[in-house]
Amino acid sequence: MLDIREIAAEEAAAPITEVEITAGLGSGDFVLDIRSQDEQEGRPLTLDNVVVNTFIFYKLCNKF
């Protein structure tokens, strides 16, 4: 049986990976739209030459 406290301790001890910050998007980049479903449907995000993947924010903890 897994103890959630052990998992949390392992995660806390793991090194932090830095995220690259860019000023623009290239043709090989993608955007993860984590807005609510209503927001995504009401105002879809479309970007030229960039793939937009949608994912509902509150579902993140269930998928990863």
PDB file of N, CA and C in Angstrom:
ATOM      1  N   MET A   1       0.841  -1.180   0.000  1.00  0.00           N
ATOM      2  CA  MET A   1       0.000   0.000   0.000  1.00  0.00           C
ATOM      3  C   MET A   1       0.888   1.247   0.000  1.00  0.00           C
ATOM      4  N   LEU A   2       0.506   2.233  -0.789  1.00  0.00           N
ATOM      5  CA  LEU A   2       1.263   3.482  -0.860  1.00  0.00           C
ATOM      6  C   LEU A   2       0.807   4.449   0.219  1.00  0.00           C
ATOM      7  N   ASP A   3       1.766   5.112   0.800  1.00  0.00           N
ATOM      8  CA  ASP A   3       1.476   6.150   1.787  1.00  0.00           C
ATOM      9  C   ASP A   3       1.618   7.495   1.095  1.00  0.00           C
ATOM     10  N   ILE A   4       0.555   8.266   1.053  1.00  0.00           N
ATOM     11  CA  ILE A   4       0.553   9.551   0.356  1.00  0.00           C
ATOM     12  C   ILE A   4       1.621  10.493   0.906  1.00  0.00           C
ATOM     13  N   ARG A   5       1.979  10.355   2.174  1.00  0.00           N
ATOM     14  CA  ARG A   5       3.018  11.210   2.751  1.00  0.00           C
ATOM     15  C   ARG A   5       4.375  10.914   2.138  1.00  0.00           C
ATOM     16  N   GLU A   6       4.632   9.654   1.800  1.00  0.00           N
ATOM     17  CA  GLU A   6       5.893   9.297   1.157  1.00  0.00           C
ATOM     18  C   GLU A   6       5.955   9.872  -0.256  1.00  0.00           C
ATOM     19  N   ILE A   7       4.853   9.796  -0.959  1.00  0.00           N
ATOM     20  CA  ILE A   7       4.802  10.343  -2.316  1.00  0.00           C
ATOM     21  C   ILE A   7       5.030  11.854  -2.271  1.00  0.00           C
ATOM     22  N   ALA A   8       4.378  12.543  -1.341  1.00  0.00           N
ATOM     23  CA  ALA A   8       4.542  13.992  -1.217  1.00  0.00           C
ATOM     24  C   ALA A   8       5.981  14.350  -0.883  1.00  0.00           C
ATOM     25  N   ALA A   9       6.629  13.573  -0.003  1.00  0.00           N
ATOM     26  CA  ALA A   9       8.021  13.835   0.365  1.00  0.00           C
ATOM     27  C   ALA A   9       8.939  13.646  -0.837  1.00  0.00           C
ATOM     28  N   GLU A  10       8.683  12.623  -1.645  1.00  0.00           N
ATOM     29  CA  GLU A  10       9.487  12.385  -2.848  1.00  0.00           C
ATOM     30  C   GLU A  10       9.337  13.542  -3.834  1.00  0.00           C
ATOM     31  N   GLU A  11       8.111  14.001  -4.013  1.00  0.00           N
ATOM     32  CA  GLU A  11       7.866  15.118  -4.932  1.00  0.00           C
ATOM     33  C   GLU A  11       8.551  16.388  -4.433  1.00  0.00           C
ATOM     34  N   ALA A  12       8.509  16.626  -3.136  1.00  0.00           N
ATOM     35  CA  ALA A  12       9.122  17.826  -2.571  1.00  0.00           C
ATOM     36  C   ALA A  12      10.638  17.787  -2.716  1.00  0.00           C
ATOM     37  N   ALA A  13      11.229  16.589  -2.682  1.00  0.00           N
ATOM     38  CA  ALA A  13      12.677  16.444  -2.777  1.00  0.00           C
ATOM     39  C   ALA A  13      13.181  16.483  -4.225  1.00  0.00           C
ATOM     40  N   ALA A  14      12.281  16.311  -5.181  1.00  0.00           N
ATOM     41  CA  ALA A  14      12.669  16.285  -6.593  1.00  0.00           C
ATOM     42  C   ALA A  14      13.156  17.665  -7.032  1.00  0.00           C
ATOM     43  N   PRO A  15      14.166  17.692  -7.915  1.00  0.00           N
ATOM     44  CA  PRO A  15      14.664  18.990  -8.393  1.00  0.00           C
ATOM     45  C   PRO A  15      13.593  19.710  -9.216  1.00  0.00           C
ATOM     46  N   ILE A  16      13.616  21.011  -9.128  1.00  0.00           N
ATOM     47  CA  ILE A  16      12.662  21.833  -9.881  1.00  0.00           C
ATOM     48  C   ILE A  16      13.234  22.072 -11.269  1.00  0.00           C
ATOM     49  N   THR A  17      12.436  21.787 -12.277  1.00  0.00           N
ATOM     50  CA  THR A  17      12.844  22.003 -13.662  1.00  0.00           C
ATOM     51  C   THR A  17      12.373  23.380 -14.094  1.00  0.00           C
ATOM     52  N   GLU A  18      13.283  24.154 -14.616  1.00  0.00           N
ATOM     53  CA  GLU A  18      12.911  25.492 -15.058  1.00  0.00           C
ATOM     54  C   GLU A  18      12.178  25.425 -16.388  1.00  0.00           C
ATOM     55  N   VAL A  19      11.259  26.344 -16.556  1.00  0.00           N
ATOM     56  CA  VAL A  19      10.481  26.446 -17.783  1.00  0.00           C
ATOM     57  C   VAL A  19      11.091  27.533 -18.648  1.00  0.00           C
ATOM     58  N   GLU A  20      11.262  27.225 -19.918  1.00  0.00           N
ATOM     59  CA  GLU A  20      11.804  28.213 -20.844  1.00  0.00           C
ATOM     60  C   GLU A  20      10.754  29.280 -21.118  1.00  0.00           C
ATOM     61  N   ILE A  21      11.159  30.519 -21.019  1.00  0.00           N
ATOM     62  CA  ILE A  21      10.261  31.644 -21.296  1.00  0.00           C
ATOM     63  C   ILE A  21      10.634  32.212 -22.656  1.00  0.00           C
ATOM     64  N   THR A  22       9.633  32.362 -23.528  1.00  0.00           N
ATOM     65  CA  THR A  22       9.874  32.896 -24.866  1.00  0.00           C
ATOM     66  C   THR A  22       8.987  34.104 -25.110  1.00  0.00           C
ATOM     67  N   ALA A  23       9.365  34.894 -26.088  1.00  0.00           N
ATOM     68  CA  ALA A  23       8.602  36.088 -26.428  1.00  0.00           C
ATOM     69  C   ALA A  23       7.569  35.807 -27.518  1.00  0.00           C
ATOM     70  N   GLY A  24       7.664  34.643 -28.157  1.00  0.00           N
ATOM     71  CA  GLY A  24       6.739  34.339 -29.239  1.00  0.00           C
ATOM     72  C   GLY A  24       6.623  32.840 -29.434  1.00  0.00           C
ATOM     73  N   LEU A  25       5.751  32.457 -30.318  1.00  0.00           N
ATOM     74  CA  LEU A  25       5.522  31.047 -30.602  1.00  0.00           C
ATOM     75  C   LEU A  25       6.014  30.705 -31.998  1.00  0.00           C
ATOM     76  N   GLY A  26       6.620  29.538 -32.136  1.00  0.00           N
ATOM     77  CA  GLY A  26       7.092  29.076 -33.427  1.00  0.00           C
ATOM     78  C   GLY A  26       6.131  28.059 -34.018  1.00  0.00           C
ATOM     79  N   SER A  27       6.395  27.631 -35.234  1.00  0.00           N
ATOM     80  CA  SER A  27       5.502  26.709 -35.924  1.00  0.00           C
ATOM     81  C   SER A  27       5.471  25.330 -35.276  1.00  0.00           C
ATOM     82  N   GLY A  28       6.496  24.949 -34.526  1.00  0.00           N
ATOM     83  CA  GLY A  28       6.520  23.649 -33.869  1.00  0.00           C
ATOM     84  C   GLY A  28       5.988  23.685 -32.452  1.00  0.00           C
ATOM     85  N   ASP A  29       5.554  24.842 -31.980  1.00  0.00           N
ATOM     86  CA  ASP A  29       5.069  24.985 -30.608  1.00  0.00           C
ATOM     87  C   ASP A  29       3.592  24.653 -30.506  1.00  0.00           C
ATOM     88  N   PHE A  30       3.146  24.425 -29.279  1.00  0.00           N
ATOM     89  CA  PHE A  30       1.719  24.254 -29.045  1.00  0.00           C
ATOM     90  C   PHE A  30       1.330  24.973 -27.767  1.00  0.00           C
ATOM     91  N   VAL A  31       0.048  25.272 -27.648  1.00  0.00           N
ATOM     92  CA  VAL A  31      -0.501  25.958 -26.486  1.00  0.00           C
ATOM     93  C   VAL A  31      -1.499  25.028 -25.826  1.00  0.00           C
ATOM     94  N   LEU A  32      -1.430  24.944 -24.502  1.00  0.00           N
ATOM     95  CA  LEU A  32      -2.392  24.159 -23.742  1.00  0.00           C
ATOM     96  C   LEU A  32      -3.371  25.134 -23.111  1.00  0.00           C
ATOM     97  N   ASP A  33      -4.600  25.137 -23.599  1.00  0.00           N
ATOM     98  CA  ASP A  33      -5.656  26.032 -23.122  1.00  0.00           C
ATOM     99  C   ASP A  33      -6.364  25.337 -21.955  1.00  0.00           C
ATOM    100  N   ILE A  34      -6.193  25.863 -20.728  1.00  0.00           N
ATOM    101  CA  ILE A  34      -6.759  25.215 -19.546  1.00  0.00           C
ATOM    102  C   ILE A  34      -7.945  25.991 -18.970  1.00  0.00           C
ATOM    103  N   ARG A  35      -8.548  26.813 -19.781  1.00  0.00           N
ATOM    104  CA  ARG A  35      -9.723  27.559 -19.318  1.00  0.00           C
ATOM    105  C   ARG A  35     -10.901  26.611 -19.119  1.00  0.00           C
ATOM    106  N   SER A  36     -11.955  27.095 -18.463  1.00  0.00           N
ATOM    107  CA  SER A  36     -13.151  26.275 -18.268  1.00  0.00           C
ATOM    108  C   SER A  36     -13.777  25.946 -19.616  1.00  0.00           C
ATOM    109  N   GLN A  37     -14.580  24.904 -19.635  1.00  0.00           N
ATOM    110  CA  GLN A  37     -15.207  24.474 -20.887  1.00  0.00           C
ATOM    111  C   GLN A  37     -16.094  25.570 -21.464  1.00  0.00           C
ATOM    112  N   ASP A  38     -16.815  26.289 -20.613  1.00  0.00           N
ATOM    113  CA  ASP A  38     -17.661  27.385 -21.086  1.00  0.00           C
ATOM    114  C   ASP A  38     -16.839  28.475 -21.763  1.00  0.00           C
ATOM    115  N   GLU A  39     -15.695  28.811 -21.161  1.00  0.00           N
ATOM    116  CA  GLU A  39     -14.822  29.824 -21.751  1.00  0.00           C
ATOM    117  C   GLU A  39     -14.242  29.350 -23.077  1.00  0.00           C
ATOM    118  N   GLN A  40     -13.832  28.092 -23.129  1.00  0.00           N
ATOM    119  CA  GLN A  40     -13.267  27.547 -24.362  1.00  0.00           C
ATOM    120  C   GLN A  40     -14.299  27.527 -25.474  1.00  0.00           C
ATOM    121  N   GLU A  41     -15.525  27.162 -25.140  1.00  0.00           N
ATOM    122  CA  GLU A  41     -16.579  27.118 -26.163  1.00  0.00           C
ATOM    123  C   GLU A  41     -17.037  28.514 -26.554  1.00  0.00           C
ATOM    124  N   GLY A  42     -17.100  29.430 -25.580  1.00  0.00           N
ATOM    125  CA  GLY A  42     -17.564  30.786 -25.848  1.00  0.00           C
ATOM    126  C   GLY A  42     -16.575  31.626 -26.632  1.00  0.00           C
ATOM    127  N   ARG A  43     -15.291  31.427 -26.366  1.00  0.00           N
ATOM    128  CA  ARG A  43     -14.237  32.182 -27.045  1.00  0.00           C
ATOM    129  C   ARG A  43     -13.091  31.243 -27.377  1.00  0.00           C
ATOM    130  N   PRO A  44     -13.250  30.425 -28.425  1.00  0.00           N
ATOM    131  CA  PRO A  44     -12.188  29.472 -28.791  1.00  0.00           C
ATOM    132  C   PRO A  44     -10.871  30.190 -29.087  1.00  0.00           C
ATOM    133  N   LEU A  45      -9.786  29.567 -28.672  1.00  0.00           N
ATOM    134  CA  LEU A  45      -8.462  30.126 -28.909  1.00  0.00           C
ATOM    135  C   LEU A  45      -7.919  29.562 -30.212  1.00  0.00           C
ATOM    136  N   THR A  46      -7.653  30.425 -31.156  1.00  0.00           N
ATOM    137  CA  THR A  46      -7.067  30.010 -32.425  1.00  0.00           C
ATOM    138  C   THR A  46      -5.842  30.871 -32.687  1.00  0.00           C
ATOM    139  N   LEU A  47      -4.753  30.221 -33.015  1.00  0.00           N
ATOM    140  CA  LEU A  47      -3.507  30.921 -33.298  1.00  0.00           C
ATOM    141  C   LEU A  47      -2.952  30.423 -34.622  1.00  0.00           C
ATOM    142  N   ASP A  48      -2.445  31.330 -35.420  1.00  0.00           N
ATOM    143  CA  ASP A  48      -1.866  30.964 -36.716  1.00  0.00           C
ATOM    144  C   ASP A  48      -0.621  30.108 -36.520  1.00  0.00           C
ATOM    145  N   ASN A  49      -0.548  28.999 -37.231  1.00  0.00           N
ATOM    146  CA  ASN A  49       0.616  28.110 -37.261  1.00  0.00           C
ATOM    147  C   ASN A  49       0.989  27.520 -35.909  1.00  0.00           C
ATOM    148  N   VAL A  50       0.048  27.492 -34.949  1.00  0.00           N
ATOM    149  CA  VAL A  50       0.305  26.929 -33.627  1.00  0.00           C
ATOM    150  C   VAL A  50      -0.848  26.000 -33.277  1.00  0.00           C
ATOM    151  N   VAL A  51      -0.509  24.808 -32.810  1.00  0.00           N
ATOM    152  CA  VAL A  51      -1.529  23.848 -32.386  1.00  0.00           C
ATOM    153  C   VAL A  51      -2.034  24.251 -31.006  1.00  0.00           C
ATOM    154  N   VAL A  52      -3.354  24.327 -30.844  1.00  0.00           N
ATOM    155  CA  VAL A  52      -3.954  24.641 -29.553  1.00  0.00           C
ATOM    156  C   VAL A  52      -4.657  23.386 -29.046  1.00  0.00           C
ATOM    157  N   ASN A  53      -4.187  22.863 -27.907  1.00  0.00           N
ATOM    158  CA  ASN A  53      -4.828  21.724 -27.263  1.00  0.00           C
ATOM    159  C   ASN A  53      -5.653  22.244 -26.098  1.00  0.00           C
ATOM    160  N   THR A  54      -6.847  21.717 -25.947  1.00  0.00           N
ATOM    161  CA  THR A  54      -7.697  22.155 -24.841  1.00  0.00           C
ATOM    162  C   THR A  54      -7.731  21.087 -23.766  1.00  0.00           C
ATOM    163  N   PHE A  55      -7.775  21.555 -22.540  1.00  0.00           N
ATOM    164  CA  PHE A  55      -7.842  20.669 -21.388  1.00  0.00           C
ATOM    165  C   PHE A  55      -8.444  21.471 -20.250  1.00  0.00           C
ATOM    166  N   ILE A  56      -9.407  20.896 -19.580  1.00  0.00           N
ATOM    167  CA  ILE A  56     -10.089  21.605 -18.495  1.00  0.00           C
ATOM    168  C   ILE A  56      -9.197  21.599 -17.251  1.00  0.00           C
ATOM    169  N   PHE A  57      -8.931  22.773 -16.673  1.00  0.00           N
ATOM    170  CA  PHE A  57      -7.991  22.930 -15.575  1.00  0.00           C
ATOM    171  C   PHE A  57      -8.283  21.996 -14.403  1.00  0.00           C
ATOM    172  N   TYR A  58      -9.536  21.905 -13.981  1.00  0.00           N
ATOM    173  CA  TYR A  58      -9.837  21.109 -12.792  1.00  0.00           C
ATOM    174  C   TYR A  58      -9.641  19.614 -13.018  1.00  0.00           C
ATOM    175  N   LYS A  59      -9.431  19.188 -14.265  1.00  0.00           N
ATOM    176  CA  LYS A  59      -9.174  17.779 -14.542  1.00  0.00           C
ATOM    177  C   LYS A  59      -7.683  17.437 -14.538  1.00  0.00           C
ATOM    178  N   LEU A  60      -6.825  18.440 -14.375  1.00  0.00           N
ATOM    179  CA  LEU A  60      -5.380  18.198 -14.404  1.00  0.00           C
ATOM    180  C   LEU A  60      -4.946  17.165 -13.375  1.00  0.00           C
ATOM    181  N   CYS A  61      -5.457  17.251 -12.157  1.00  0.00           N
ATOM    182  CA  CYS A  61      -5.005  16.321 -11.110  1.00  0.00           C
ATOM    183  C   CYS A  61      -5.447  14.900 -11.397  1.00  0.00           C
ATOM    184  N   ASN A  62      -6.455  14.696 -12.208  1.00  0.00           N
ATOM    185  CA  ASN A  62      -6.928  13.356 -12.533  1.00  0.00           C
ATOM    186  C   ASN A  62      -6.183  12.735 -13.704  1.00  0.00           C
ATOM    187  N   LYS A  63      -5.547  13.540 -14.539  1.00  0.00           N
ATOM    188  CA  LYS A  63      -4.920  13.033 -15.755  1.00  0.00           C
ATOM    189  C   LYS A  63      -3.417  12.875 -15.636  1.00  0.00           C
ATOM    190  N   PHE A  64      -2.779  13.606 -14.712  1.00  0.00           N
ATOM    191  CA  PHE A  64      -1.318  13.560 -14.618  1.00  0.00           C
ATOM    192  C   PHE A  64      -0.898  13.055 -13.261  1.00  0.00           C
TER     193      PHE A  64
END
